[in-house]
Each structure stands twice: as structure tokens, then as C-alpha cells.
C-alpha atoms as a PDB file:
ATOM      1  CA  UNK A   1       0.000   0.000   0.000  1.00  0.00           C
ATOM      2  CA  UNK A   2       1.137   3.564  -0.547  1.00  0.00           C
ATOM      3  CA  UNK A   3       1.930   5.862   2.338  1.00  0.00           C
ATOM      4  CA  UNK A   4       0.004   8.974   3.230  1.00  0.00           C
ATOM      5  CA  UNK A   5       2.661  11.213   1.688  1.00  0.00           C
ATOM      6  CA  UNK A   6       2.605   9.367  -1.638  1.00  0.00           C
ATOM      7  CA  UNK A   7      -1.189   9.316  -1.642  1.00  0.00           C
ATOM      8  CA  UNK A   8      -1.265  13.068  -1.031  1.00  0.00           C
ATOM      9  CA  UNK A   9       1.075  13.646  -3.973  1.00  0.00           C
ATOM     10  CA  UNK A  10      -1.117  11.560  -6.288  1.00  0.00           C
ATOM     11  CA  UNK A  11      -4.256  13.412  -5.229  1.00  0.00           C
ATOM     12  CA  UNK A  12      -2.738  16.894  -5.403  1.00  0.00           C
ATOM     13  CA  UNK A  13      -1.096  16.458  -8.825  1.00  0.00           C
ATOM     14  CA  UNK A  14      -3.824  16.782 -11.401  1.00  0.00           C
ATOM     15  CA  UNK A  15      -1.563  15.478 -14.192  1.00  0.00           C
ATOM     16  CA  UNK A  16      -1.617  12.017 -12.586  1.00  0.00           C
ATOM     17  CA  UNK A  17      -5.359  11.462 -12.244  1.00  0.00           C
ATOM     18  CA  UNK A  18      -6.796  14.260 -14.371  1.00  0.00           C
ATOM     19  CA  UNK A  19      -9.054  15.303 -11.490  1.00  0.00           C
ATOM     20  CA  UNK A  20      -8.840  17.964  -8.809  1.00  0.00           C
ATOM     21  CA  UNK A  21      -8.629  16.969  -5.120  1.00  0.00           C
ATOM     22  CA  UNK A  22     -12.195  18.209  -4.591  1.00  0.00           C
ATOM     23  CA  UNK A  23     -13.552  15.946  -7.326  1.00  0.00           C
ATOM     24  CA  UNK A  24     -11.617  12.972  -5.941  1.00  0.00           C
ATOM     25  CA  UNK A  25     -13.068  13.676  -2.491  1.00  0.00           C
ATOM     26  CA  UNK A  26     -16.575  13.725  -3.997  1.00  0.00           C
ATOM     27  CA  UNK A  27     -15.930  10.378  -5.706  1.00  0.00           C
ATOM     28  CA  UNK A  28     -14.691   8.839  -2.466  1.00  0.00           C
ATOM     29  CA  UNK A  29     -17.753  10.067  -0.583  1.00  0.00           C
ATOM     30  CA  UNK A  30     -20.189   8.981  -3.278  1.00  0.00           C
ATOM     31  CA  UNK A  31     -18.707   5.732  -4.573  1.00  0.00           C
ATOM     32  CA  UNK A  32     -17.027   4.517  -1.385  1.00  0.00           C
ATOM     33  CA  UNK A  33     -20.290   3.369   0.262  1.00  0.00           C
ATOM     34  CA  UNK A  34     -21.371   1.695  -2.982  1.00  0.00           C
ATOM     35  CA  UNK A  35     -18.140  -0.314  -2.953  1.00  0.00           C
ATOM     36  CA  UNK A  36     -18.450  -1.293   0.729  1.00  0.00           C
ATOM     37  CA  UNK A  37     -22.103  -2.407   0.554  1.00  0.00           C
ATOM     38  CA  UNK A  38     -21.629  -5.564  -1.558  1.00  0.00           C
ATOM     39  CA  UNK A  39     -18.598  -6.570   0.506  1.00  0.00           C
ATOM     40  CA  UNK A  40     -20.493  -6.274   3.751  1.00  0.00           C
ATOM     41  CA  UNK A  41     -23.509  -8.064   2.297  1.00  0.00           C
ATOM     42  CA  UNK A  42     -21.310 -10.901   1.068  1.00  0.00           C
ATOM     43  CA  UNK A  43     -19.671 -11.270   4.468  1.00  0.00           C
ATOM     44  CA  UNK A  44     -23.005 -11.331   6.269  1.00  0.00           C
ATOM     45  CA  UNK A  45     -24.662 -13.752   3.843  1.00  0.00           C
ATOM     46  CA  UNK A  46     -22.846 -16.864   5.085  1.00  0.00           C
ATOM     47  CA  UNK A  47     -22.205 -18.500   8.422  1.00  0.00           C
ATOM     48  CA  UNK A  48     -19.110 -17.219  10.121  1.00  0.00           C
ATOM     49  CA  UNK A  49     -16.931 -18.329  13.001  1.00  0.00           C
ATOM     50  CA  UNK A  50     -15.700 -14.781  13.481  1.00  0.00           C
ATOM     51  CA  UNK A  51     -17.604 -11.528  13.555  1.00  0.00           C
ATOM     52  CA  UNK A  52     -17.762  -9.329  10.480  1.00  0.00           C
ATOM     53  CA  UNK A  53     -14.727  -7.073  10.473  1.00  0.00           C
ATOM     54  CA  UNK A  54     -12.440  -9.515  12.218  1.00  0.00           C
ATOM     55  CA  UNK A  55      -9.416 -11.018  10.503  1.00  0.00           C
ATOM     56  CA  UNK A  56      -7.063  -9.497   7.950  1.00  0.00           C
ATOM     57  CA  UNK A  57      -7.861  -6.036   6.623  1.00  0.00           C
ATOM     58  CA  UNK A  58      -7.629  -4.833   3.038  1.00  0.00           C
ATOM     59  CA  UNK A  59      -4.067  -3.931   2.144  1.00  0.00           C
ATOM     60  CA  UNK A  60      -5.444  -1.660  -0.560  1.00  0.00           C
ATOM     61  CA  UNK A  61      -8.028   0.697   0.938  1.00  0.00           C
ATOM     62  CA  UNK A  62     -10.779   2.140  -1.204  1.00  0.00           C
ATOM     63  CA  UNK A  63      -9.030   5.475  -1.782  1.00  0.00           C
ATOM     64  CA  UNK A  64      -6.018   3.663  -3.217  1.00  0.00           C
ATOM     65  CA  UNK A  65      -8.258   1.449  -5.326  1.00  0.00           C
ATOM     66  CA  UNK A  66      -9.934   4.535  -6.748  1.00  0.00           C
ATOM     67  CA  UNK A  67      -6.604   6.242  -7.449  1.00  0.00           C
ATOM     68  CA  UNK A  68      -5.209   3.135  -9.151  1.00  0.00           C
ATOM     69  CA  UNK A  69      -8.285   2.944 -11.375  1.00  0.00           C
ATOM     70  CA  UNK A  70      -8.078   6.631 -12.287  1.00  0.00           C
ATOM     71  CA  UNK A  71      -4.393   6.352 -13.179  1.00  0.00           C
ATOM     72  CA  UNK A  72      -5.117   3.256 -15.258  1.00  0.00           C
ATOM     73  CA  UNK A  73      -7.928   4.969 -17.169  1.00  0.00           C
ATOM     74  CA  UNK A  74      -5.997   8.185 -17.778  1.00  0.00           C
ATOM     75  CA  UNK A  75      -2.579   6.825 -18.744  1.00  0.00           C
ATOM     76  CA  UNK A  76      -3.257   3.199 -19.685  1.00  0.00           C
ATOM     77  CA  UNK A  77      -0.777   2.092 -17.033  1.00  0.00           C
ATOM     78  CA  UNK A  78      -0.466  -1.693 -16.822  1.00  0.00           C
ATOM     79  CA  UNK A  79      -1.599  -3.559 -13.737  1.00  0.00           C
ATOM     80  CA  UNK A  80       1.950  -4.781 -13.115  1.00  0.00           C
ATOM     81  CA  UNK A  81       3.254  -1.217 -12.853  1.00  0.00           C
ATOM     82  CA  UNK A  82       0.391  -0.169 -10.578  1.00  0.00           C
ATOM     83  CA  UNK A  83       1.023  -3.204  -8.384  1.00  0.00           C
ATOM     84  CA  UNK A  84       4.642  -2.133  -7.888  1.00  0.00           C
ATOM     85  CA  UNK A  85       3.582   1.457  -7.264  1.00  0.00           C
ATOM     86  CA  UNK A  86       0.937   0.606  -4.655  1.00  0.00           C
ATOM     87  CA  UNK A  87       2.902  -2.264  -3.118  1.00  0.00           C
ATOM     88  CA  UNK A  88       0.361  -5.045  -3.693  1.00  0.00           C
ATOM     89  CA  UNK A  89      -0.002  -8.065  -5.942  1.00  0.00           C
ATOM     90  CA  UNK A  90      -1.063  -7.618  -9.555  1.00  0.00           C
ATOM     91  CA  UNK A  91      -4.228  -9.626  -8.985  1.00  0.00           C
ATOM     92  CA  UNK A  92      -5.249  -7.126  -6.299  1.00  0.00           C
ATOM     93  CA  UNK A  93      -4.983  -4.255  -8.800  1.00  0.00           C
ATOM     94  CA  UNK A  94      -6.898  -6.244 -11.414  1.00  0.00           C
ATOM     95  CA  UNK A  95      -9.680  -6.943  -8.929  1.00  0.00           C
ATOM     96  CA  UNK A  96      -9.727  -3.314  -7.748  1.00  0.00           C
ATOM     97  CA  UNK A  97     -10.025  -1.914 -11.281  1.00  0.00           C
ATOM     98  CA  UNK A  98     -12.726  -4.445 -12.101  1.00  0.00           C
ATOM     99  CA  UNK A  99     -14.741  -3.376  -9.049  1.00  0.00           C
ATOM    100  CA  UNK A 100     -14.281   0.403  -9.194  1.00  0.00           C
ATOM    101  CA  UNK A 101     -14.574   0.973 -12.920  1.00  0.00           C
ATOM    102  CA  UNK A 102     -18.271  -0.073 -13.168  1.00  0.00           C
ATOM    103  CA  UNK A 103     -19.063   2.238 -10.243  1.00  0.00           C
ATOM    104  CA  UNK A 104     -17.405   5.124 -12.063  1.00  0.00           C
ATOM    105  CA  UNK A 105     -19.295   4.238 -15.231  1.00  0.00           C
ATOM    106  CA  UNK A 106     -22.631   4.339 -13.391  1.00  0.00           C
ATOM    107  CA  UNK A 107     -21.760   7.847 -12.252  1.00  0.00           C
ATOM    108  CA  UNK A 108     -20.904   8.882 -15.808  1.00  0.00           C
ATOM    109  CA  UNK A 109     -17.106   8.672 -15.499  1.00  0.00           C
ATOM    110  CA  UNK A 110     -16.373   6.244 -18.278  1.00  0.00           C
ATOM    111  CA  UNK A 111     -14.396   5.938 -21.472  1.00  0.00           C
ATOM    112  CA  UNK A 112     -16.847   6.114 -24.361  1.00  0.00           C
ATOM    113  CA  UNK A 113     -16.551   3.294 -26.891  1.00  0.00           C
ATOM    114  CA  UNK A 114     -14.498   4.446 -29.840  1.00  0.00           C
ATOM    115  CA  UNK A 115     -14.567   3.558 -33.511  1.00  0.00           C
ATOM    116  CA  UNK A 116     -12.183   0.842 -34.649  1.00  0.00           C
ATOM    117  CA  UNK A 117     -10.809   1.502 -38.120  1.00  0.00           C
ATOM    118  CA  UNK A 118      -9.177  -1.537 -39.717  1.00  0.00           C
ATOM    119  CA  UNK A 119      -8.450  -0.323 -43.246  1.00  0.00           C
ATOM    120  CA  UNK A 120      -7.842   2.814 -45.275  1.00  0.00           C
ATOM    121  CA  UNK A 121     -11.314   2.485 -46.796  1.00  0.00           C
ATOM    122  CA  UNK A 122     -12.880   2.603 -43.332  1.00  0.00           C
ATOM    123  CA  UNK A 123     -10.802   5.684 -42.518  1.00  0.00           C
ATOM    124  CA  UNK A 124     -12.101   7.509 -45.599  1.00  0.00           C
ATOM    125  CA  UNK A 125     -15.683   6.540 -44.745  1.00  0.00           C
ATOM    126  CA  UNK A 126     -15.170   7.662 -41.150  1.00  0.00           C
ATOM    127  CA  UNK A 127     -13.931  11.077 -42.271  1.00  0.00           C
ATOM    128  CA  UNK A 128     -16.893  11.383 -44.596  1.00  0.00           C
ATOM    129  CA  UNK A 129     -19.383  10.586 -41.826  1.00  0.00           C
ATOM    130  CA  UNK A 130     -17.809  12.858 -39.216  1.00  0.00           C
ATOM    131  CA  UNK A 131     -17.140  15.706 -41.632  1.00  0.00           C
ATOM    132  CA  UNK A 132     -13.574  16.104 -40.392  1.00  0.00           C
ATOM    133  CA  UNK A 133     -10.557  16.755 -42.553  1.00  0.00           C
ATOM    134  CA  UNK A 134      -7.810  14.152 -42.791  1.00  0.00           C
ATOM    135  CA  UNK A 135      -4.071  14.731 -42.948  1.00  0.00           C
ATOM    136  CA  UNK A 136      -1.608  12.347 -44.601  1.00  0.00           C
ATOM    137  CA  UNK A 137       2.151  12.201 -44.489  1.00  0.00           C
ATOM    138  CA  UNK A 138       4.922   9.700 -44.928  1.00  0.00           C
ATOM    139  CA  UNK A 139       7.349   8.864 -42.153  1.00  0.00           C
ATOM    140  CA  UNK A 140      10.585   6.903 -42.243  1.00  0.00           C
ATOM    141  CA  UNK A 141      12.290   4.682 -39.682  1.00  0.00           C
ATOM    142  CA  UNK A 142      15.908   3.741 -40.048  1.00  0.00           C
ATOM    143  CA  UNK A 143      16.609  -0.003 -40.301  1.00  0.00           C
ATOM    144  CA  UNK A 144      19.646  -2.201 -40.578  1.00  0.00           C
ATOM    145  CA  UNK A 145      21.197  -2.632 -43.984  1.00  0.00           C
ATOM    146  CA  UNK A 146      19.577  -5.602 -45.746  1.00  0.00           C
ATOM    147  CA  UNK A 147      21.677  -8.725 -46.144  1.00  0.00           C
ATOM    148  CA  UNK A 148      24.153  -8.875 -49.002  1.00  0.00           C
ATOM    149  CA  UNK A 149      22.771 -10.621 -52.054  1.00  0.00           C
ATOM    150  CA  UNK A 150      19.203  -9.473 -51.507  1.00  0.00           C
ATOM    151  CA  UNK A 151      17.818  -8.358 -54.870  1.00  0.00           C
ATOM    152  CA  UNK A 152      15.986  -5.267 -53.567  1.00  0.00           C
ATOM    153  CA  UNK A 153      18.778  -4.229 -51.229  1.00  0.00           C
ATOM    154  CA  UNK A 154      19.289  -0.819 -52.826  1.00  0.00           C
ATOM    155  CA  UNK A 155      15.575   0.062 -52.661  1.00  0.00           C
ATOM    156  CA  UNK A 156      15.807   0.551 -48.894  1.00  0.00           C
ATOM    157  CA  UNK A 157      18.098   3.583 -49.295  1.00  0.00           C
ATOM    158  CA  UNK A 158      16.007   6.678 -48.645  1.00  0.00           C
ATOM    159  CA  UNK A 159      16.445   9.574 -51.038  1.00  0.00           C
ATOM    160  CA  UNK A 160      15.713  11.966 -48.177  1.00  0.00           C
ATOM    161  CA  UNK A 161      18.303  10.990 -45.562  1.00  0.00           C
ATOM    162  CA  UNK A 162      20.530   8.658 -47.653  1.00  0.00           C
ATOM    163  CA  UNK A 163      20.153   5.858 -45.087  1.00  0.00           C
ATOM    164  CA  UNK A 164      18.493   2.445 -45.074  1.00  0.00           C
ATOM    165  CA  UNK A 165      14.919   2.953 -43.978  1.00  0.00           C
ATOM    166  CA  UNK A 166      11.341   1.768 -44.296  1.00  0.00           C
ATOM    167  CA  UNK A 167       8.448   4.123 -44.908  1.00  0.00           C
ATOM    168  CA  UNK A 168       4.803   4.216 -43.785  1.00  0.00           C
ATOM    169  CA  UNK A 169       1.915   6.508 -44.644  1.00  0.00           C
ATOM    170  CA  UNK A 170       0.110   7.898 -41.606  1.00  0.00           C
ATOM    171  CA  UNK A 171      -3.393   9.371 -41.657  1.00  0.00           C
ATOM    172  CA  UNK A 172      -4.648  11.555 -38.804  1.00  0.00           C
ATOM    173  CA  UNK A 173      -7.736  13.682 -38.340  1.00  0.00           C
ATOM    174  CA  UNK A 174      -7.566  17.463 -38.108  1.00  0.00           C
ATOM    175  CA  UNK A 175      -6.798  17.188 -34.388  1.00  0.00           C
ATOM    176  CA  UNK A 176      -3.740  14.985 -34.881  1.00  0.00           C
ATOM    177  CA  UNK A 177      -5.274  11.702 -33.698  1.00  0.00           C
ATOM    178  CA  UNK A 178      -3.810   8.752 -35.580  1.00  0.00           C
ATOM    179  CA  UNK A 179      -6.428   6.944 -37.677  1.00  0.00           C
ATOM    180  CA  UNK A 180      -4.291   4.734 -39.898  1.00  0.00           C
ATOM    181  CA  UNK A 181      -0.688   3.612 -40.306  1.00  0.00           C
ATOM    182  CA  UNK A 182       0.060   1.679 -43.465  1.00  0.00           C
ATOM    183  CA  UNK A 183       2.317  -1.356 -43.883  1.00  0.00           C
ATOM    184  CA  UNK A 184       5.922  -0.401 -44.527  1.00  0.00           C
ATOM    185  CA  UNK A 185       7.566   0.020 -47.907  1.00  0.00           C
ATOM    186  CA  UNK A 186      11.279   0.385 -48.729  1.00  0.00           C
ATOM    187  CA  UNK A 187      12.634   3.868 -48.082  1.00  0.00           C
ATOM    188  CA  UNK A 188      13.149   4.712 -51.749  1.00  0.00           C
ATOM    189  CA  UNK A 189       9.406   4.579 -52.437  1.00  0.00           C
ATOM    190  CA  UNK A 190       8.038   8.092 -53.034  1.00  0.00           C
ATOM    191  CA  UNK A 191       5.225   9.317 -50.807  1.00  0.00           C
ATOM    192  CA  UNK A 192       2.833   9.822 -53.709  1.00  0.00           C
ATOM    193  CA  UNK A 193       3.648   6.381 -55.140  1.00  0.00           C
ATOM    194  CA  UNK A 194       2.964   4.764 -51.784  1.00  0.00           C
ATOM    195  CA  UNK A 195      -0.398   6.529 -51.548  1.00  0.00           C
ATOM    196  CA  UNK A 196      -1.360   5.327 -55.014  1.00  0.00           C
ATOM    197  CA  UNK A 197      -0.326   1.763 -54.234  1.00  0.00           C
ATOM    198  CA  UNK A 198      -2.509   1.827 -51.129  1.00  0.00           C
ATOM    199  CA  UNK A 199      -5.495   2.734 -53.312  1.00  0.00           C
ATOM    200  CA  UNK A 200      -6.021   6.186 -51.819  1.00  0.00           C
ATOM    201  CA  UNK A 201      -6.777   7.783 -55.192  1.00  0.00           C
ATOM    202  CA  UNK A 202      -9.621   5.390 -56.001  1.00  0.00           C
ATOM    203  CA  UNK A 203     -11.038   5.571 -52.463  1.00  0.00           C
ATOM    204  CA  UNK A 204     -11.201   9.357 -52.589  1.00  0.00           C
ATOM    205  CA  UNK A 205     -12.425   9.599 -56.171  1.00  0.00           C
ATOM    206  CA  UNK A 206     -15.253   7.092 -55.619  1.00  0.00           C
ATOM    207  CA  UNK A 207     -15.904   7.798 -51.951  1.00  0.00           C
ATOM    208  CA  UNK A 208     -17.435  10.607 -49.891  1.00  0.00           C
ATOM    209  CA  UNK A 209     -16.441  14.238 -50.294  1.00  0.00           C
ATOM    210  CA  UNK A 210     -13.664  14.630 -47.751  1.00  0.00           C
ATOM    211  CA  UNK A 211     -10.734  17.014 -47.481  1.00  0.00           C
ATOM    212  CA  UNK A 212      -7.254  15.502 -47.176  1.00  0.00           C
ATOM    213  CA  UNK A 213      -4.362  17.814 -46.371  1.00  0.00           C
ATOM    214  CA  UNK A 214      -0.924  16.826 -47.631  1.00  0.00           C
ATOM    215  CA  UNK A 215       2.519  18.292 -48.200  1.00  0.00           C
ATOM    216  CA  UNK A 216       4.217  19.033 -51.519  1.00  0.00           C
ATOM    217  CA  UNK A 217       5.242  15.385 -51.878  1.00  0.00           C
ATOM    218  CA  UNK A 218       1.637  14.562 -52.819  1.00  0.00           C
ATOM    219  CA  UNK A 219       1.163  17.237 -55.492  1.00  0.00           C
ATOM    220  CA  UNK A 220      -0.718  15.665 -58.353  1.00  0.00           C
ATOM    221  CA  UNK A 221      -3.213  13.745 -56.242  1.00  0.00           C
ATOM    222  CA  UNK A 222      -5.533  16.756 -56.136  1.00  0.00           C
ATOM    223  CA  UNK A 223      -6.260  16.517 -59.852  1.00  0.00           C
ATOM    224  CA  UNK A 224      -6.703  12.737 -59.638  1.00  0.00           C
ATOM    225  CA  UNK A 225      -9.161  12.907 -56.728  1.00  0.00           C
ATOM    226  CA  UNK A 226     -11.322  15.827 -57.816  1.00  0.00           C
ATOM    227  CA  UNK A 227      -9.643  18.293 -55.487  1.00  0.00           C
ATOM    228  CA  UNK A 228     -10.069  16.164 -52.366  1.00  0.00           C
ATOM    229  CA  UNK A 229      -6.322  16.162 -51.680  1.00  0.00           C
ATOM    230  CA  UNK A 230      -5.160  19.698 -50.843  1.00  0.00           C
ATOM    231  CA  UNK A 231      -1.430  20.410 -51.164  1.00  0.00           C
ATOM    232  CA  UNK A 232       0.565  23.631 -50.681  1.00  0.00           C
ATOM    233  CA  UNK A 233       0.085  26.219 -53.449  1.00  0.00           C
ATOM    234  CA  UNK A 234       2.199  25.602 -56.513  1.00  0.00           C
ATOM    235  CA  UNK A 235       4.796  28.285 -57.106  1.00  0.00           C
ATOM    236  CA  UNK A 236       4.122  29.865 -60.506  1.00  0.00           C
ATOM    237  CA  UNK A 237       7.047  32.298 -60.536  1.00  0.00           C
ATOM    238  CA  UNK A 238      10.433  30.708 -60.004  1.00  0.00           C
ATOM    239  CA  UNK A 239      12.377  33.895 -60.709  1.00  0.00           C
ATOM    240  CA  UNK A 240      11.626  37.616 -60.410  1.00  0.00           C
ATOM    241  CA  UNK A 241       8.274  37.073 -58.726  1.00  0.00           C
ATOM    242  CA  UNK A 242       6.257  40.257 -58.010  1.00  0.00           C
ATOM    243  CA  UNK A 243       6.080  41.400 -54.403  1.00  0.00           C
ATOM    244  CA  UNK A 244       2.316  40.947 -54.283  1.00  0.00           C
ATOM    245  CA  UNK A 245       2.696  37.345 -55.413  1.00  0.00           C
ATOM    246  CA  UNK A 246       5.390  36.570 -52.842  1.00  0.00           C
ATOM    247  CA  UNK A 247       3.178  37.931 -50.066  1.00  0.00           C
ATOM    248  CA  UNK A 248       0.141  35.948 -51.238  1.00  0.00           C
ATOM    249  CA  UNK A 249       2.182  32.775 -51.711  1.00  0.00           C
ATOM    250  CA  UNK A 250       3.718  32.940 -48.228  1.00  0.00           C
ATOM    251  CA  UNK A 251       0.327  33.631 -46.646  1.00  0.00           C
ATOM    252  CA  UNK A 252      -1.298  30.642 -48.358  1.00  0.00           C
ATOM    253  CA  UNK A 253       1.657  28.373 -47.622  1.00  0.00           C
ATOM    254  CA  UNK A 254       1.681  29.249 -43.913  1.00  0.00           C
ATOM    255  CA  UNK A 255      -2.096  28.813 -43.645  1.00  0.00           C
ATOM    256  CA  UNK A 256      -1.827  25.337 -45.146  1.00  0.00           C
ATOM    257  CA  UNK A 257       1.181  24.421 -43.006  1.00  0.00           C
ATOM    258  CA  UNK A 258      -0.532  25.520 -39.780  1.00  0.00           C
ATOM    259  CA  UNK A 259      -3.363  23.057 -40.470  1.00  0.00           C
ATOM    260  CA  UNK A 260      -1.145  20.230 -41.720  1.00  0.00           C
ATOM    261  CA  UNK A 261       1.344  20.364 -38.811  1.00  0.00           C
ATOM    262  CA  UNK A 262      -0.949  18.217 -36.649  1.00  0.00           C
ATOM    263  CA  UNK A 263      -0.008  15.113 -38.598  1.00  0.00           C
ATOM    264  CA  UNK A 264       3.564  15.620 -37.381  1.00  0.00           C
ATOM    265  CA  UNK A 265       2.285  15.609 -33.815  1.00  0.00           C
ATOM    266  CA  UNK A 266       0.412  12.368 -34.498  1.00  0.00           C
ATOM    267  CA  UNK A 267       3.515  10.746 -36.020  1.00  0.00           C
ATOM    268  CA  UNK A 268       5.626  11.836 -33.046  1.00  0.00           C
ATOM    269  CA  UNK A 269       3.066  10.343 -30.656  1.00  0.00           C
ATOM    270  CA  UNK A 270       3.029   7.124 -32.672  1.00  0.00           C
ATOM    271  CA  UNK A 271       6.814   6.805 -32.586  1.00  0.00           C
ATOM    272  CA  UNK A 272       6.996   7.643 -28.889  1.00  0.00           C
END
């Protein structure tokens, strides 16, 4: 079990549980009796040689059970880690979470069931139903050099960083939440080629009207998808551009980049 000092730190630090001390106190006062009632009823329902309340006490009191459940729900912390933190067996944490979580759900503190997207087609349909914009980008991960004699050995060399890598296409919504991560391709595969091989062009052309933000590596998909893929503005003047055009170009480019940057946050979260 945790000591009073450790318990006070958990309660006072909102980043750990996501709740203020006042809200935690309300939960203890409201849910605590609901947790004790079935235990007392179960103890009194059978013949006993000792009075109710005699014998070994709970090593994990209700407050600690509630805190362990809140930490588990907020951070996805495994039961093994919580068991080490609270100084009890893993089975005790598993039983505590299983008992407290339904009580929280009855009060309205629950994790709403989310949508499970298994394919790129389901992602496109999901964006069409929700009306949200999607963001796509390719990301590379460095790998060991393929074995000598492998026929496609050179295809793993990335043209971007000149290292052996594999590449995936990541799709997030406009808030940066990861919706899809494709199977990997060798690092030399261009982003736009990878998107075409995944069937993104056909899905967007034949599917719902959705907006997909992309970087300059996907220029050309907009014309193939009826304008559903939006890339940075194409630079018309390469030399001696008028001042008014430079100002307009930079403004449009920054506006697009400020919306598209959330896919980078999603990729960073995925890699972390």
C-alpha cells in the first residue's frame, strides 16, 4: 500500500489522475459506500466463526483502489506497474479496477466506446461521416542494412536521408489523432507512389467528399481525386516574382502548413 505522503502527492497532482482533489473527495464520498455495501452483504450472507470485520484487513483501501483505477484509465498504465507502485499483488490491482470501474461508469465517469478503423477504406468513410478533414504524411524509420545478395537491397536507401529505412503513410484527423498507419515500404518509395499503391486515389475519387491535407510530396493527387487532396500552393514564378505574389504565396503556404502540422504531432506520438 502507498503511504500517506505518496497518496497526497497523487491526489494533489492533477496530471496524474486528471481530477482535482475536490472531485476525488466527492468520488470517495459517493462511490465509497457503494463499494463497501456488496462486501459487507457478502460477508453477512454466510455463516461465520468470526464476527464481520475480524481477521485481515484490506491492504489496498478504497481510496487507493480509486486512485489506481483513475491512473489506469488516464494513462493506460499496466496492472503490473500499478502493483509495484501501490505495493500489492497484480491480482489485487486487477480486482480493484474491475470493481471500481463499473461504479465510475454508473456515475458517468467512463471511457466512451471508440470507432475501430481496420483499413484505409474505413478511414475515408469515417472522415466522410464525421465531416472532419484528414491529414496524410509519410514517415521513415531507419533499419539495418539488408543482407548482401538481396535483390531489392538498394531500394531501402532513402532519397531523403541517404540511409536504409522503411516508410509508412500515416493518416490523422484534423486534431492529430492517428487513424491509420500503413504497412511499410522500402525507403526509396516516393510518398505519392505509396499513396497510389494503397489505393487512396480510387477511395477518394469514388468515396465521400472529404478534405485531405498533404505536403508538396503529394502534389498531383488533387487533380486525380477531384480536389479532395489539398497540397501547398504551386509556385508559378520561379524567378523575379512580383512582391504581391510573394506575399500571397507565403500567406497561403503558412495557412496550409498551420493546419497540416498536426499530422507531425500524431507521427511523433506514434513513434513515442
